[in-house]
Amino acid sequence: MHAGTLISRALALSICSAAALAQTPQQDSAVGDRIDLTPAQRQTIYQSVTVTQKNNAAPTGFRVSVGASVPNAITPSPVPATIAGLIPQTKGLEVAQVEGQVILIDADKKQIVAVITKSTQQPE
């Protein structure tokens, strides 16, 4: 096969793959307030919270997603001072673990601003 044909096919394949990935919604892509976190920040938060916070069962009808209101059945805690010191955009937020997912919550609005799952906390 001609080298130019191989390059063209590889380029077409990578463009198709990129388009498919662009269409795959991320956990945090819902409408609403959200904070942006790097993979390293996600990993730090996930590892800290999953060892220190109770893993809550999701209340009936509740779906963990950015912008969702947090039901009263879930009792969040303030983001630990050590995390807030390392990741300033988490200051003033609350955190909870629901079904193995770590959620960051706007304390005033009681809305989820970030969802961190085991798969999204890994560096990409």
Protein backbone atom coordinates (compact mmCIF):
# COMPACT_ATOMS: atom_id res chain seq x y z
CA MET A 1 0.00 0.00 0.00
CA HIS A 2 1.24 3.49 -0.80
CA ALA A 3 2.56 5.53 2.18
CA GLY A 4 0.28 8.45 1.29
CA THR A 5 -2.76 6.15 1.41
CA LEU A 6 -1.74 4.83 4.83
CA ILE A 7 -1.32 8.36 6.17
CA SER A 8 -4.69 9.39 4.73
CA ARG A 9 -6.43 6.40 6.31
CA ALA A 10 -4.74 7.00 9.67
CA LEU A 11 -5.74 10.66 9.58
CA ALA A 12 -9.34 9.78 8.67
CA LEU A 13 -9.48 7.24 11.51
CA SER A 14 -8.15 9.73 14.06
CA ILE A 15 -10.66 12.37 12.90
CA CYS A 16 -13.52 9.88 13.26
CA SER A 17 -12.28 8.87 16.71
CA ALA A 18 -12.03 12.49 17.80
CA ALA A 19 -15.55 13.18 16.53
CA ALA A 20 -16.90 10.18 18.43
CA LEU A 21 -15.18 11.30 21.62
CA ALA A 22 -16.48 14.84 21.18
CA GLN A 23 -20.03 13.47 21.06
CA THR A 24 -19.61 11.43 24.25
CA PRO A 25 -20.94 13.56 27.12
CA GLN A 26 -18.72 13.77 30.18
CA GLN A 27 -20.03 13.34 33.71
CA ASP A 28 -19.73 17.08 34.35
CA SER A 29 -21.23 18.32 31.07
CA ALA A 30 -24.75 19.00 32.35
CA VAL A 31 -26.21 22.48 32.35
CA GLY A 32 -25.64 24.46 35.53
CA ASP A 33 -22.84 25.91 37.59
CA ARG A 34 -19.73 23.78 37.55
CA ILE A 35 -16.09 24.00 38.42
CA ASP A 36 -13.25 22.83 36.24
CA LEU A 37 -10.72 20.50 37.82
CA THR A 38 -7.58 18.97 36.41
CA PRO A 39 -7.20 15.18 36.45
CA ALA A 40 -4.69 15.53 39.31
CA GLN A 41 -7.13 17.66 41.33
CA ARG A 42 -9.91 15.13 40.69
CA GLN A 43 -7.65 12.32 41.87
CA THR A 44 -6.72 14.20 45.04
CA ILE A 45 -10.36 14.93 45.89
CA TYR A 46 -11.57 11.43 45.05
CA GLN A 47 -8.89 9.68 47.09
CA SER A 48 -9.40 11.96 50.09
CA VAL A 49 -13.19 11.81 50.14
CA THR A 50 -13.62 8.10 49.48
CA VAL A 51 -11.54 7.20 52.52
CA THR A 52 -13.06 9.78 54.88
CA GLN A 53 -16.73 10.12 53.87
CA LYS A 54 -19.65 7.73 54.20
CA ASN A 55 -20.84 6.28 50.88
CA ASN A 56 -24.53 7.25 50.67
CA ALA A 57 -27.11 5.32 48.73
CA ALA A 58 -28.80 7.44 46.09
CA PRO A 59 -32.32 8.39 47.17
CA THR A 60 -35.10 7.09 44.93
CA GLY A 61 -35.37 9.20 41.79
CA PHE A 62 -32.10 11.08 42.40
CA ARG A 63 -29.58 11.11 39.59
CA VAL A 64 -26.07 12.39 40.28
CA SER A 65 -25.28 15.07 37.70
CA VAL A 66 -23.93 18.61 37.58
CA GLY A 67 -26.74 21.08 38.22
CA ALA A 68 -28.90 18.59 40.14
CA SER A 69 -30.31 19.68 43.48
CA VAL A 70 -29.03 17.65 46.40
CA PRO A 71 -31.86 15.96 48.30
CA ASN A 72 -32.15 16.30 52.09
CA ALA A 73 -31.42 12.58 52.47
CA ILE A 74 -27.78 13.32 51.57
CA THR A 75 -25.84 15.20 54.25
CA PRO A 76 -22.76 16.83 52.78
CA SER A 77 -19.73 18.03 54.72
CA PRO A 78 -17.57 21.07 54.08
CA VAL A 79 -14.65 20.39 51.74
CA PRO A 80 -11.73 19.54 54.06
CA ALA A 81 -9.40 22.49 54.72
CA THR A 82 -6.44 20.56 53.32
CA ILE A 83 -8.26 20.08 49.99
CA ALA A 84 -9.47 23.70 49.92
CA GLY A 85 -5.90 24.81 50.55
CA LEU A 86 -4.56 22.71 47.68
CA ILE A 87 -7.47 23.40 45.30
CA PRO A 88 -8.71 26.98 45.90
CA GLN A 89 -11.80 26.65 43.68
CA THR A 90 -13.24 24.17 46.20
CA LYS A 91 -13.30 26.71 49.06
CA GLY A 92 -16.82 27.16 50.39
CA LEU A 93 -18.09 24.01 48.70
CA GLU A 94 -19.48 20.91 50.33
CA VAL A 95 -18.71 17.31 49.47
CA ALA A 96 -20.50 13.98 49.70
CA GLN A 97 -20.09 10.46 48.36
CA VAL A 98 -23.10 8.93 46.63
CA GLU A 99 -22.99 5.43 45.13
CA GLY A 100 -19.18 5.62 44.97
CA GLN A 101 -19.22 8.98 43.21
CA VAL A 102 -17.82 12.09 44.87
CA ILE A 103 -19.97 15.18 44.43
CA LEU A 104 -18.95 18.77 45.05
CA ILE A 105 -21.88 20.95 46.06
CA ASP A 106 -22.53 24.70 46.01
CA ALA A 107 -23.44 25.14 49.67
CA ASP A 108 -25.80 28.09 49.03
CA LYS A 109 -27.73 26.64 46.11
CA LYS A 110 -27.50 22.99 47.25
CA GLN A 111 -26.59 22.09 43.66
CA ILE A 112 -23.91 19.75 42.35
CA VAL A 113 -21.04 21.60 40.67
CA ALA A 114 -18.76 18.60 39.98
CA VAL A 115 -19.03 14.82 39.87
CA ILE A 116 -15.90 12.74 40.29
CA THR A 117 -16.07 9.02 39.59
CA LYS A 118 -13.38 6.41 39.92
CA SER A 119 -12.90 6.47 36.15
CA THR A 120 -12.75 10.29 35.83
CA GLN A 121 -10.31 10.84 38.67
CA GLN A 122 -7.49 9.05 36.86
CA PRO A 123 -5.01 11.27 35.00
CA GLU A 124 -5.82 11.23 31.29
